[in-house]
PDB file of N, CA and C in Angstrom:
ATOM      1  N   MET A   1     -45.178   3.903 -27.808  1.00  0.00           N
ATOM      2  CA  MET A   1     -43.979   3.664 -27.021  1.00  0.00           C
ATOM      3  C   MET A   1     -44.108   2.387 -26.212  1.00  0.00           C
ATOM      4  N   GLY A   2     -45.216   1.686 -26.342  1.00  0.00           N
ATOM      5  CA  GLY A   2     -45.376   0.418 -25.646  1.00  0.00           C
ATOM      6  C   GLY A   2     -45.782   0.548 -24.186  1.00  0.00           C
ATOM      7  N   VAL A   3     -46.305   1.685 -23.788  1.00  0.00           N
ATOM      8  CA  VAL A   3     -46.725   1.879 -22.400  1.00  0.00           C
ATOM      9  C   VAL A   3     -48.213   1.597 -22.287  1.00  0.00           C
ATOM     10  N   ARG A   4     -48.571   0.685 -21.398  1.00  0.00           N
ATOM     11  CA  ARG A   4     -49.980   0.375 -21.166  1.00  0.00           C
ATOM     12  C   ARG A   4     -50.544   1.322 -20.111  1.00  0.00           C
ATOM     13  N   VAL A   5     -51.717   1.827 -20.378  1.00  0.00           N
ATOM     14  CA  VAL A   5     -52.381   2.729 -19.437  1.00  0.00           C
ATOM     15  C   VAL A   5     -53.534   1.979 -18.796  1.00  0.00           C
ATOM     16  N   TYR A   6     -53.538   1.946 -17.467  1.00  0.00           N
ATOM     17  CA  TYR A   6     -54.643   1.381 -16.707  1.00  0.00           C
ATOM     18  C   TYR A   6     -55.390   2.558 -16.091  1.00  0.00           C
ATOM     19  N   ALA A   7     -56.556   2.846 -16.626  1.00  0.00           N
ATOM     20  CA  ALA A   7     -57.335   3.995 -16.171  1.00  0.00           C
ATOM     21  C   ALA A   7     -58.286   3.553 -15.063  1.00  0.00           C
ATOM     22  N   ILE A   8     -58.408   4.385 -14.047  1.00  0.00           N
ATOM     23  CA  ILE A   8     -59.294   4.095 -12.915  1.00  0.00           C
ATOM     24  C   ILE A   8     -60.204   5.293 -12.707  1.00  0.00           C
ATOM     25  N   GLY A   9     -61.497   5.059 -12.855  1.00  0.00           N
ATOM     26  CA  GLY A   9     -62.485   6.082 -12.546  1.00  0.00           C
ATOM     27  C   GLY A   9     -62.849   5.965 -11.070  1.00  0.00           C
ATOM     28  N   VAL A  10     -62.545   6.981 -10.292  1.00  0.00           N
ATOM     29  CA  VAL A  10     -62.756   6.929  -8.841  1.00  0.00           C
ATOM     30  C   VAL A  10     -63.879   7.869  -8.459  1.00  0.00           C
ATOM     31  N   GLY A  11     -64.853   7.347  -7.739  1.00  0.00           N
ATOM     32  CA  GLY A  11     -65.949   8.175  -7.248  1.00  0.00           C
ATOM     33  C   GLY A  11     -67.267   7.436  -7.322  1.00  0.00           C
ATOM     34  N   THR A  12     -68.230   7.976  -6.631  1.00  0.00           N
ATOM     35  CA  THR A  12     -69.556   7.364  -6.617  1.00  0.00           C
ATOM     36  C   THR A  12     -70.371   7.900  -7.776  1.00  0.00           C
ATOM     37  N   ASP A  13     -71.466   7.240  -8.047  1.00  0.00           N
ATOM     38  CA  ASP A  13     -72.405   7.732  -9.058  1.00  0.00           C
ATOM     39  C   ASP A  13     -73.360   8.725  -8.393  1.00  0.00           C
ATOM     40  N   GLY A  14     -73.720   9.764  -9.114  1.00  0.00           N
ATOM     41  CA  GLY A  14     -74.654  10.748  -8.563  1.00  0.00           C
ATOM     42  C   GLY A  14     -73.933  11.903  -7.919  1.00  0.00           C
ATOM     43  N   GLN A  15     -74.163  12.102  -6.619  1.00  0.00           N
ATOM     44  CA  GLN A  15     -73.545  13.209  -5.900  1.00  0.00           C
ATOM     45  C   GLN A  15     -72.670  12.684  -4.773  1.00  0.00           C
ATOM     46  N   ALA A  16     -71.647  13.475  -4.456  1.00  0.00           N
ATOM     47  CA  ALA A  16     -70.727  13.121  -3.377  1.00  0.00           C
ATOM     48  C   ALA A  16     -70.388  14.376  -2.585  1.00  0.00           C
ATOM     49  N   PRO A  17     -70.134  14.229  -1.279  1.00  0.00           N
ATOM     50  CA  PRO A  17     -69.771  15.410  -0.481  1.00  0.00           C
ATOM     51  C   PRO A  17     -68.363  15.886  -0.827  1.00  0.00           C
ATOM     52  N   TYR A  18     -68.202  17.198  -0.872  1.00  0.00           N
ATOM     53  CA  TYR A  18     -66.911  17.815  -1.165  1.00  0.00           C
ATOM     54  C   TYR A  18     -66.730  18.996  -0.224  1.00  0.00           C
ATOM     55  N   VAL A  19     -65.529  19.197   0.267  1.00  0.00           N
ATOM     56  CA  VAL A  19     -65.238  20.271   1.214  1.00  0.00           C
ATOM     57  C   VAL A  19     -64.755  21.488   0.443  1.00  0.00           C
ATOM     58  N   PHE A  20     -65.432  22.613   0.637  1.00  0.00           N
ATOM     59  CA  PHE A  20     -65.061  23.883   0.026  1.00  0.00           C
ATOM     60  C   PHE A  20     -64.570  24.824   1.110  1.00  0.00           C
ATOM     61  N   GLN A  21     -63.558  25.626   0.781  1.00  0.00           N
ATOM     62  CA  GLN A  21     -63.089  26.662   1.692  1.00  0.00           C
ATOM     63  C   GLN A  21     -63.933  27.915   1.459  1.00  0.00           C
ATOM     64  N   THR A  22     -64.549  28.400   2.502  1.00  0.00           N
ATOM     65  CA  THR A  22     -65.374  29.603   2.428  1.00  0.00           C
ATOM     66  C   THR A  22     -64.829  30.624   3.416  1.00  0.00           C
ATOM     67  N   PRO A  23     -65.294  31.868   3.357  1.00  0.00           N
ATOM     68  CA  PRO A  23     -64.843  32.860   4.336  1.00  0.00           C
ATOM     69  C   PRO A  23     -65.198  32.461   5.768  1.00  0.00           C
ATOM     70  N   TYR A  24     -66.155  31.568   5.927  1.00  0.00           N
ATOM     71  CA  TYR A  24     -66.583  31.132   7.253  1.00  0.00           C
ATOM     72  C   TYR A  24     -65.927  29.816   7.661  1.00  0.00           C
ATOM     73  N   GLY A  25     -64.950  29.347   6.898  1.00  0.00           N
ATOM     74  CA  GLY A  25     -64.268  28.094   7.192  1.00  0.00           C
ATOM     75  C   GLY A  25     -64.682  27.012   6.206  1.00  0.00           C
ATOM     76  N   PRO A  26     -64.146  25.811   6.371  1.00  0.00           N
ATOM     77  CA  PRO A  26     -64.484  24.730   5.440  1.00  0.00           C
ATOM     78  C   PRO A  26     -65.928  24.266   5.631  1.00  0.00           C
ATOM     79  N   GLN A  27     -66.604  24.075   4.503  1.00  0.00           N
ATOM     80  CA  GLN A  27     -67.987  23.593   4.535  1.00  0.00           C
ATOM     81  C   GLN A  27     -68.160  22.492   3.498  1.00  0.00           C
ATOM     82  N   ARG A  28     -68.979  21.502   3.846  1.00  0.00           N
ATOM     83  CA  ARG A  28     -69.237  20.387   2.945  1.00  0.00           C
ATOM     84  C   ARG A  28     -70.484  20.675   2.119  1.00  0.00           C
ATOM     85  N   GLN A  29     -70.355  20.378   0.827  1.00  0.00           N
ATOM     86  CA  GLN A  29     -71.486  20.526  -0.074  1.00  0.00           C
ATOM     87  C   GLN A  29     -71.539  19.314  -0.990  1.00  0.00           C
ATOM     88  N   LEU A  30     -72.713  18.958  -1.433  1.00  0.00           N
ATOM     89  CA  LEU A  30     -72.861  17.867  -2.386  1.00  0.00           C
ATOM     90  C   LEU A  30     -72.612  18.390  -3.793  1.00  0.00           C
ATOM     91  N   VAL A  31     -71.750  17.694  -4.533  1.00  0.00           N
ATOM     92  CA  VAL A  31     -71.456  18.060  -5.916  1.00  0.00           C
ATOM     93  C   VAL A  31     -71.730  16.853  -6.811  1.00  0.00           C
ATOM     94  N   ASP A  32     -72.055  17.133  -8.053  1.00  0.00           N
ATOM     95  CA  ASP A  32     -72.289  16.065  -9.009  1.00  0.00           C
ATOM     96  C   ASP A  32     -70.967  15.414  -9.398  1.00  0.00           C
ATOM     97  N   VAL A  33     -70.956  14.089  -9.431  1.00  0.00           N
ATOM     98  CA  VAL A  33     -69.779  13.339  -9.854  1.00  0.00           C
ATOM     99  C   VAL A  33     -69.968  12.999 -11.330  1.00  0.00           C
ATOM    100  N   ASP A  34     -69.052  13.468 -12.141  1.00  0.00           N
ATOM    101  CA  ASP A  34     -69.146  13.233 -13.577  1.00  0.00           C
ATOM    102  C   ASP A  34     -67.808  12.681 -14.053  1.00  0.00           C
ATOM    103  N   ILE A  35     -67.742  11.371 -14.225  1.00  0.00           N
ATOM    104  CA  ILE A  35     -66.529  10.719 -14.707  1.00  0.00           C
ATOM    105  C   ILE A  35     -66.764  10.305 -16.148  1.00  0.00           C
ATOM    106  N   ASP A  36     -65.849  10.672 -17.011  1.00  0.00           N
ATOM    107  CA  ASP A  36     -65.967  10.359 -18.433  1.00  0.00           C
ATOM    108  C   ASP A  36     -65.469   8.936 -18.675  1.00  0.00           C
ATOM    109  N   ASP A  37     -66.356   7.959 -18.415  1.00  0.00           N
ATOM    110  CA  ASP A  37     -65.986   6.545 -18.538  1.00  0.00           C
ATOM    111  C   ASP A  37     -65.596   6.177 -19.966  1.00  0.00           C
ATOM    112  N   GLU A  38     -66.275   6.728 -20.946  1.00  0.00           N
ATOM    113  CA  GLU A  38     -66.006   6.352 -22.331  1.00  0.00           C
ATOM    114  C   GLU A  38     -64.589   6.734 -22.758  1.00  0.00           C
ATOM    115  N   THR A  39     -64.165   7.943 -22.405  1.00  0.00           N
ATOM    116  CA  THR A  39     -62.819   8.392 -22.775  1.00  0.00           C
ATOM    117  C   THR A  39     -61.756   7.578 -22.043  1.00  0.00           C
ATOM    118  N   LEU A  40     -61.954   7.335 -20.750  1.00  0.00           N
ATOM    119  CA  LEU A  40     -60.990   6.536 -19.998  1.00  0.00           C
ATOM    120  C   LEU A  40     -60.894   5.123 -20.556  1.00  0.00           C
ATOM    121  N   ARG A  41     -62.027   4.554 -20.902  1.00  0.00           N
ATOM    122  CA  ARG A  41     -62.041   3.204 -21.481  1.00  0.00           C
ATOM    123  C   ARG A  41     -61.325   3.200 -22.831  1.00  0.00           C
ATOM    124  N   ALA A  42     -61.553   4.218 -23.656  1.00  0.00           N
ATOM    125  CA  ALA A  42     -60.918   4.295 -24.978  1.00  0.00           C
ATOM    126  C   ALA A  42     -59.403   4.423 -24.864  1.00  0.00           C
ATOM    127  N   VAL A  43     -58.942   5.251 -23.936  1.00  0.00           N
ATOM    128  CA  VAL A  43     -57.491   5.416 -23.740  1.00  0.00           C
ATOM    129  C   VAL A  43     -56.871   4.111 -23.278  1.00  0.00           C
ATOM    130  N   ALA A  44     -57.517   3.449 -22.343  1.00  0.00           N
ATOM    131  CA  ALA A  44     -56.978   2.192 -21.825  1.00  0.00           C
ATOM    132  C   ALA A  44     -56.922   1.126 -22.911  1.00  0.00           C
ATOM    133  N   GLU A  45     -57.992   0.987 -23.691  1.00  0.00           N
ATOM    134  CA  GLU A  45     -58.012  -0.031 -24.741  1.00  0.00           C
ATOM    135  C   GLU A  45     -57.028   0.283 -25.861  1.00  0.00           C
ATOM    136  N   ARG A  46     -56.852   1.543 -26.167  1.00  0.00           N
ATOM    137  CA  ARG A  46     -55.933   1.931 -27.247  1.00  0.00           C
ATOM    138  C   ARG A  46     -54.483   1.603 -26.900  1.00  0.00           C
ATOM    139  N   THR A  47     -54.135   1.644 -25.629  1.00  0.00           N
ATOM    140  CA  THR A  47     -52.756   1.371 -25.210  1.00  0.00           C
ATOM    141  C   THR A  47     -52.549  -0.068 -24.768  1.00  0.00           C
ATOM    142  N   GLY A  48     -53.596  -0.887 -24.836  1.00  0.00           N
ATOM    143  CA  GLY A  48     -53.458  -2.277 -24.412  1.00  0.00           C
ATOM    144  C   GLY A  48     -53.692  -2.470 -22.930  1.00  0.00           C
ATOM    145  N   GLY A  49     -54.176  -1.445 -22.271  1.00  0.00           N
ATOM    146  CA  GLY A  49     -54.451  -1.521 -20.840  1.00  0.00           C
ATOM    147  C   GLY A  49     -55.882  -1.914 -20.569  1.00  0.00           C
ATOM    148  N   LYS A  50     -56.382  -1.509 -19.430  1.00  0.00           N
ATOM    149  CA  LYS A  50     -57.728  -1.876 -19.009  1.00  0.00           C
ATOM    150  C   LYS A  50     -58.324  -0.726 -18.200  1.00  0.00           C
ATOM    151  N   TYR A  51     -59.654  -0.590 -18.265  1.00  0.00           N
ATOM    152  CA  TYR A  51     -60.347   0.448 -17.508  1.00  0.00           C
ATOM    153  C   TYR A  51     -61.026  -0.177 -16.296  1.00  0.00           C
ATOM    154  N   PHE A  52     -60.929   0.507 -15.156  1.00  0.00           N
ATOM    155  CA  PHE A  52     -61.548   0.049 -13.917  1.00  0.00           C
ATOM    156  C   PHE A  52     -62.400   1.165 -13.349  1.00  0.00           C
ATOM    157  N   ARG A  53     -63.400   0.785 -12.594  1.00  0.00           N
ATOM    158  CA  ARG A  53     -64.244   1.762 -11.908  1.00  0.00           C
ATOM    159  C   ARG A  53     -64.230   1.438 -10.415  1.00  0.00           C
ATOM    160  N   ALA A  54     -63.836   2.397  -9.584  1.00  0.00           N
ATOM    161  CA  ALA A  54     -63.769   2.207  -8.138  1.00  0.00           C
ATOM    162  C   ALA A  54     -64.766   3.149  -7.473  1.00  0.00           C
ATOM    163  N   THR A  55     -65.697   2.563  -6.725  1.00  0.00           N
ATOM    164  CA  THR A  55     -66.690   3.382  -6.036  1.00  0.00           C
ATOM    165  C   THR A  55     -66.429   3.474  -4.543  1.00  0.00           C
ATOM    166  N   ASP A  56     -65.481   2.654  -4.048  1.00  0.00           N
ATOM    167  CA  ASP A  56     -65.123   2.730  -2.628  1.00  0.00           C
ATOM    168  C   ASP A  56     -63.680   2.263  -2.453  1.00  0.00           C
ATOM    169  N   VAL A  57     -63.209   2.323  -1.224  1.00  0.00           N
ATOM    170  CA  VAL A  57     -61.807   2.006  -0.926  1.00  0.00           C
ATOM    171  C   VAL A  57     -61.509   0.535  -1.172  1.00  0.00           C
ATOM    172  N   VAL A  58     -62.434  -0.345  -0.837  1.00  0.00           N
ATOM    173  CA  VAL A  58     -62.217  -1.779  -1.026  1.00  0.00           C
ATOM    174  C   VAL A  58     -62.069  -2.100  -2.510  1.00  0.00           C
ATOM    175  N   ALA A  59     -62.919  -1.497  -3.336  1.00  0.00           N
ATOM    176  CA  ALA A  59     -62.828  -1.715  -4.777  1.00  0.00           C
ATOM    177  C   ALA A  59     -61.506  -1.193  -5.324  1.00  0.00           C
ATOM    178  N   LEU A  60     -61.047  -0.045  -4.822  1.00  0.00           N
ATOM    179  CA  LEU A  60     -59.781   0.519  -5.281  1.00  0.00           C
ATOM    180  C   LEU A  60     -58.609  -0.382  -4.907  1.00  0.00           C
ATOM    181  N   GLU A  61     -58.630  -0.941  -3.702  1.00  0.00           N
ATOM    182  CA  GLU A  61     -57.559  -1.855  -3.297  1.00  0.00           C
ATOM    183  C   GLU A  61     -57.543  -3.107  -4.171  1.00  0.00           C
ATOM    184  N   SER A  62     -58.710  -3.635  -4.509  1.00  0.00           N
ATOM    185  CA  SER A  62     -58.746  -4.821  -5.366  1.00  0.00           C
ATOM    186  C   SER A  62     -58.289  -4.489  -6.789  1.00  0.00           C
ATOM    187  N   ILE A  63     -58.570  -3.272  -7.251  1.00  0.00           N
ATOM    188  CA  ILE A  63     -58.098  -2.849  -8.569  1.00  0.00           C
ATOM    189  C   ILE A  63     -56.581  -2.762  -8.583  1.00  0.00           C
ATOM    190  N   TYR A  64     -56.004  -2.185  -7.531  1.00  0.00           N
ATOM    191  CA  TYR A  64     -54.538  -2.119  -7.445  1.00  0.00           C
ATOM    192  C   TYR A  64     -53.929  -3.509  -7.421  1.00  0.00           C
ATOM    193  N   ALA A  65     -54.558  -4.427  -6.714  1.00  0.00           N
ATOM    194  CA  ALA A  65     -54.051  -5.800  -6.656  1.00  0.00           C
ATOM    195  C   ALA A  65     -54.115  -6.450  -8.035  1.00  0.00           C
ATOM    196  N   GLU A  66     -55.195  -6.227  -8.769  1.00  0.00           N
ATOM    197  CA  GLU A  66     -55.313  -6.814 -10.109  1.00  0.00           C
ATOM    198  C   GLU A  66     -54.298  -6.215 -11.066  1.00  0.00           C
ATOM    199  N   ILE A  67     -54.081  -4.914 -11.002  1.00  0.00           N
ATOM    200  CA  ILE A  67     -53.056  -4.289 -11.850  1.00  0.00           C
ATOM    201  C   ILE A  67     -51.688  -4.845 -11.497  1.00  0.00           C
ATOM    202  N   GLY A  68     -51.439  -5.082 -10.223  1.00  0.00           N
ATOM    203  CA  GLY A  68     -50.170  -5.679  -9.803  1.00  0.00           C
ATOM    204  C   GLY A  68     -49.990  -7.067 -10.383  1.00  0.00           C
ATOM    205  N   ARG A  69     -51.066  -7.838 -10.487  1.00  0.00           N
ATOM    206  CA  ARG A  69     -50.973  -9.171 -11.091  1.00  0.00           C
ATOM    207  C   ARG A  69     -50.779  -9.077 -12.606  1.00  0.00           C
ATOM    208  N   LEU A  70     -51.399  -8.084 -13.230  1.00  0.00           N
ATOM    209  CA  LEU A  70     -51.286  -7.940 -14.682  1.00  0.00           C
ATOM    210  C   LEU A  70     -49.910  -7.448 -15.109  1.00  0.00           C
ATOM    211  N   GLU A  71     -49.287  -6.640 -14.310  1.00  0.00           N
ATOM    212  CA  GLU A  71     -48.019  -6.017 -14.681  1.00  0.00           C
ATOM    213  C   GLU A  71     -46.834  -6.641 -13.965  1.00  0.00           C
ATOM    214  N   THR A  72     -46.676  -7.932 -14.090  1.00  0.00           N
ATOM    215  CA  THR A  72     -45.489  -8.565 -13.516  1.00  0.00           C
ATOM    216  C   THR A  72     -44.432  -8.654 -14.603  1.00  0.00           C
ATOM    217  N   SER A  73     -43.268  -8.148 -14.319  1.00  0.00           N
ATOM    218  CA  SER A  73     -42.173  -8.195 -15.269  1.00  0.00           C
ATOM    219  C   SER A  73     -40.865  -8.341 -14.501  1.00  0.00           C
ATOM    220  N   VAL A  74     -39.875  -8.843 -15.199  1.00  0.00           N
ATOM    221  CA  VAL A  74     -38.566  -9.031 -14.596  1.00  0.00           C
ATOM    222  C   VAL A  74     -37.844  -7.684 -14.583  1.00  0.00           C
ATOM    223  N   ILE A  75     -37.340  -7.345 -13.437  1.00  0.00           N
ATOM    224  CA  ILE A  75     -36.612  -6.087 -13.286  1.00  0.00           C
ATOM    225  C   ILE A  75     -35.142  -6.413 -13.111  1.00  0.00           C
ATOM    226  N   THR A  76     -34.323  -5.859 -13.971  1.00  0.00           N
ATOM    227  CA  THR A  76     -32.876  -6.045 -13.834  1.00  0.00           C
ATOM    228  C   THR A  76     -32.289  -4.793 -13.196  1.00  0.00           C
ATOM    229  N   GLU A  77     -31.293  -5.022 -12.405  1.00  0.00           N
ATOM    230  CA  GLU A  77     -30.692  -3.919 -11.661  1.00  0.00           C
ATOM    231  C   GLU A  77     -29.185  -3.970 -11.819  1.00  0.00           C
ATOM    232  N   GLN A  78     -28.597  -2.840 -12.138  1.00  0.00           N
ATOM    233  CA  GLN A  78     -27.150  -2.734 -12.225  1.00  0.00           C
ATOM    234  C   GLN A  78     -26.685  -1.780 -11.131  1.00  0.00           C
ATOM    235  N   THR A  79     -25.677  -2.202 -10.414  1.00  0.00           N
ATOM    236  CA  THR A  79     -25.149  -1.388  -9.331  1.00  0.00           C
ATOM    237  C   THR A  79     -23.721  -0.977  -9.673  1.00  0.00           C
ATOM    238  N   TYR A  80     -23.459   0.281  -9.544  1.00  0.00           N
ATOM    239  CA  TYR A  80     -22.121   0.807  -9.783  1.00  0.00           C
ATOM    240  C   TYR A  80     -21.569   1.339  -8.472  1.00  0.00           C
ATOM    241  N   ALA A  81     -20.305   1.053  -8.227  1.00  0.00           N
ATOM    242  CA  ALA A  81     -19.658   1.531  -7.004  1.00  0.00           C
ATOM    243  C   ALA A  81     -18.484   2.434  -7.392  1.00  0.00           C
ATOM    244  N   ASP A  82     -18.458   3.605  -6.836  1.00  0.00           N
ATOM    245  CA  ASP A  82     -17.354   4.533  -7.053  1.00  0.00           C
ATOM    246  C   ASP A  82     -16.384   4.340  -5.899  1.00  0.00           C
ATOM    247  N   ILE A  83     -15.257   3.713  -6.199  1.00  0.00           N
ATOM    248  CA  ILE A  83     -14.300   3.351  -5.158  1.00  0.00           C
ATOM    249  C   ILE A  83     -13.124   4.325  -5.200  1.00  0.00           C
ATOM    250  N   THR A  84     -12.803   4.872  -4.053  1.00  0.00           N
ATOM    251  CA  THR A  84     -11.644   5.740  -3.908  1.00  0.00           C
ATOM    252  C   THR A  84     -10.692   5.074  -2.915  1.00  0.00           C
ATOM    253  N   GLU A  85      -9.500   4.756  -3.393  1.00  0.00           N
ATOM    254  CA  GLU A  85      -8.514   4.103  -2.535  1.00  0.00           C
ATOM    255  C   GLU A  85      -7.934   5.123  -1.555  1.00  0.00           C
ATOM    256  N   ARG A  86      -7.942   4.782  -0.284  1.00  0.00           N
ATOM    257  CA  ARG A  86      -7.433   5.685   0.743  1.00  0.00           C
ATOM    258  C   ARG A  86      -6.293   5.066   1.552  1.00  0.00           C
ATOM    259  N   TYR A  87      -5.787   3.937   1.077  1.00  0.00           N
ATOM    260  CA  TYR A  87      -4.734   3.266   1.835  1.00  0.00           C
ATOM    261  C   TYR A  87      -3.427   4.059   1.812  1.00  0.00           C
ATOM    262  N   LEU A  88      -3.243   4.942   0.828  1.00  0.00           N
ATOM    263  CA  LEU A  88      -1.998   5.694   0.729  1.00  0.00           C
ATOM    264  C   LEU A  88      -1.777   6.599   1.941  1.00  0.00           C
ATOM    265  N   TRP A  89      -2.876   7.048   2.573  1.00  0.00           N
ATOM    266  CA  TRP A  89      -2.758   7.891   3.755  1.00  0.00           C
ATOM    267  C   TRP A  89      -2.102   7.122   4.913  1.00  0.00           C
ATOM    268  N   PHE A  90      -2.219   5.810   4.919  1.00  0.00           N
ATOM    269  CA  PHE A  90      -1.596   4.990   5.966  1.00  0.00           C
ATOM    270  C   PHE A  90      -0.277   4.387   5.496  1.00  0.00           C
ATOM    271  N   LEU A  91      -0.168   4.085   4.206  1.00  0.00           N
ATOM    272  CA  LEU A  91       1.032   3.450   3.677  1.00  0.00           C
ATOM    273  C   LEU A  91       2.223   4.398   3.690  1.00  0.00           C
ATOM    274  N   ALA A  92       2.042   5.634   3.301  1.00  0.00           N
ATOM    275  CA  ALA A  92       3.148   6.592   3.228  1.00  0.00           C
ATOM    276  C   ALA A  92       3.765   6.840   4.609  1.00  0.00           C
ATOM    277  N   PRO A  93       3.004   7.125   5.661  1.00  0.00           N
ATOM    278  CA  PRO A  93       3.641   7.305   6.978  1.00  0.00           C
ATOM    279  C   PRO A  93       4.298   6.022   7.483  1.00  0.00           C
ATOM    280  N   ALA A  94       3.724   4.867   7.162  1.00  0.00           N
ATOM    281  CA  ALA A  94       4.326   3.608   7.599  1.00  0.00           C
ATOM    282  C   ALA A  94       5.677   3.400   6.931  1.00  0.00           C
ATOM    283  N   LEU A  95       5.779   3.685   5.654  1.00  0.00           N
ATOM    284  CA  LEU A  95       7.064   3.555   4.954  1.00  0.00           C
ATOM    285  C   LEU A  95       8.086   4.551   5.490  1.00  0.00           C
ATOM    286  N   VAL A  96       7.658   5.755   5.789  1.00  0.00           N
ATOM    287  CA  VAL A  96       8.577   6.753   6.352  1.00  0.00           C
ATOM    288  C   VAL A  96       9.084   6.286   7.713  1.00  0.00           C
ATOM    289  N   LEU A  97       8.189   5.765   8.553  1.00  0.00           N
ATOM    290  CA  LEU A  97       8.611   5.274   9.865  1.00  0.00           C
ATOM    291  C   LEU A  97       9.532   4.059   9.744  1.00  0.00           C
ATOM    292  N   LEU A  98       9.271   3.172   8.792  1.00  0.00           N
ATOM    293  CA  LEU A  98      10.132   2.010   8.576  1.00  0.00           C
ATOM    294  C   LEU A  98      11.515   2.451   8.101  1.00  0.00           C
ATOM    295  N   LEU A  99      11.594   3.393   7.198  1.00  0.00           N
ATOM    296  CA  LEU A  99      12.864   3.928   6.725  1.00  0.00           C
ATOM    297  C   LEU A  99      13.610   4.632   7.852  1.00  0.00           C
ATOM    298  N   LEU A 100      12.915   5.369   8.678  1.00  0.00           N
ATOM    299  CA  LEU A 100      13.511   6.047   9.815  1.00  0.00           C
ATOM    300  C   LEU A 100      14.055   5.048  10.833  1.00  0.00           C
ATOM    301  N   GLU A 101      13.329   3.946  11.039  1.00  0.00           N
ATOM    302  CA  GLU A 101      13.802   2.902  11.957  1.00  0.00           C
ATOM    303  C   GLU A 101      15.074   2.271  11.427  1.00  0.00           C
ATOM    304  N   ARG A 102      15.172   1.991  10.139  1.00  0.00           N
ATOM    305  CA  ARG A 102      16.395   1.411   9.555  1.00  0.00           C
ATOM    306  C   ARG A 102      17.559   2.388   9.637  1.00  0.00           C
ATOM    307  N   LEU A 103      17.268   3.645   9.416  1.00  0.00           N
ATOM    308  CA  LEU A 103      18.325   4.663   9.472  1.00  0.00           C
ATOM    309  C   LEU A 103      18.842   4.817  10.904  1.00  0.00           C
ATOM    310  N   LEU A 104      17.964   4.877  11.868  1.00  0.00           N
ATOM    311  CA  LEU A 104      18.377   5.047  13.257  1.00  0.00           C
ATOM    312  C   LEU A 104      19.027   3.783  13.825  1.00  0.00           C
ATOM    313  N   ALA A 105      18.695   2.630  13.264  1.00  0.00           N
ATOM    314  CA  ALA A 105      19.300   1.374  13.738  1.00  0.00           C
ATOM    315  C   ALA A 105      20.775   1.305  13.398  1.00  0.00           C
ATOM    316  N   SER A 106      21.211   2.050  12.406  1.00  0.00           N
ATOM    317  CA  SER A 106      22.626   2.027  12.035  1.00  0.00           C
ATOM    318  C   SER A 106      23.389   3.204  12.647  1.00  0.00           C
ATOM    319  N   THR A 107      22.802   3.949  13.522  1.00  0.00           N
ATOM    320  CA  THR A 107      23.480   5.079  14.151  1.00  0.00           C
ATOM    321  C   THR A 107      23.608   4.814  15.656  1.00  0.00           C
ATOM    322  N   TYR A 108      23.735   5.859  16.403  1.00  0.00           N
ATOM    323  CA  TYR A 108      23.938   5.803  17.855  1.00  0.00           C
ATOM    324  C   TYR A 108      22.753   5.134  18.573  1.00  0.00           C
ATOM    325  N   LEU A 109      21.555   5.191  17.985  1.00  0.00           N
ATOM    326  CA  LEU A 109      20.360   4.645  18.604  1.00  0.00           C
ATOM    327  C   LEU A 109      20.120   3.179  18.237  1.00  0.00           C
ATOM    328  N   ARG A 110      21.189   2.466  17.839  1.00  0.00           N
ATOM    329  CA  ARG A 110      20.995   1.078  17.428  1.00  0.00           C
ATOM    330  C   ARG A 110      20.657   0.210  18.623  1.00  0.00           C
ATOM    331  N   ARG A 111      20.190  -0.971  18.369  1.00  0.00           N
ATOM    332  CA  ARG A 111      19.832  -1.902  19.432  1.00  0.00           C
ATOM    333  C   ARG A 111      21.071  -2.535  20.018  1.00  0.00           C
ATOM    334  N   LEU A 112      20.969  -2.811  21.282  1.00  0.00           N
ATOM    335  CA  LEU A 112      22.086  -3.505  21.928  1.00  0.00           C
ATOM    336  C   LEU A 112      21.844  -4.997  21.852  1.00  0.00           C
ATOM    337  N   PRO A 113      22.949  -5.778  21.659  1.00  0.00           N
ATOM    338  CA  PRO A 113      22.765  -7.232  21.552  1.00  0.00           C
ATOM    339  C   PRO A 113      22.448  -7.899  22.859  1.00  0.00           C
TER     340      PRO A 113
END
């Protein structure tokens, strides 16, 4: 479908602290970090994308910046406006008042010269 996948492996090598909910409240434990780099790299290359590895926040921010530079494209935007004319609510009473003024001007309530 022409969609490029940019895969990002996030995490440190080895072990990292993780918070588990226990009956005694949240507790931190070290867990093994296992990121399948080969599969992520294969998916990225197959779609024409690129694989990145982020081990900290600074690396992740630079990866996002690089993806932003790689994926620059022109975006077209179409705007549609649903317009409902409401002038009739003012036009109809104005015409009635104008007609009433002409009618009354030719009767007893006419203007004096």
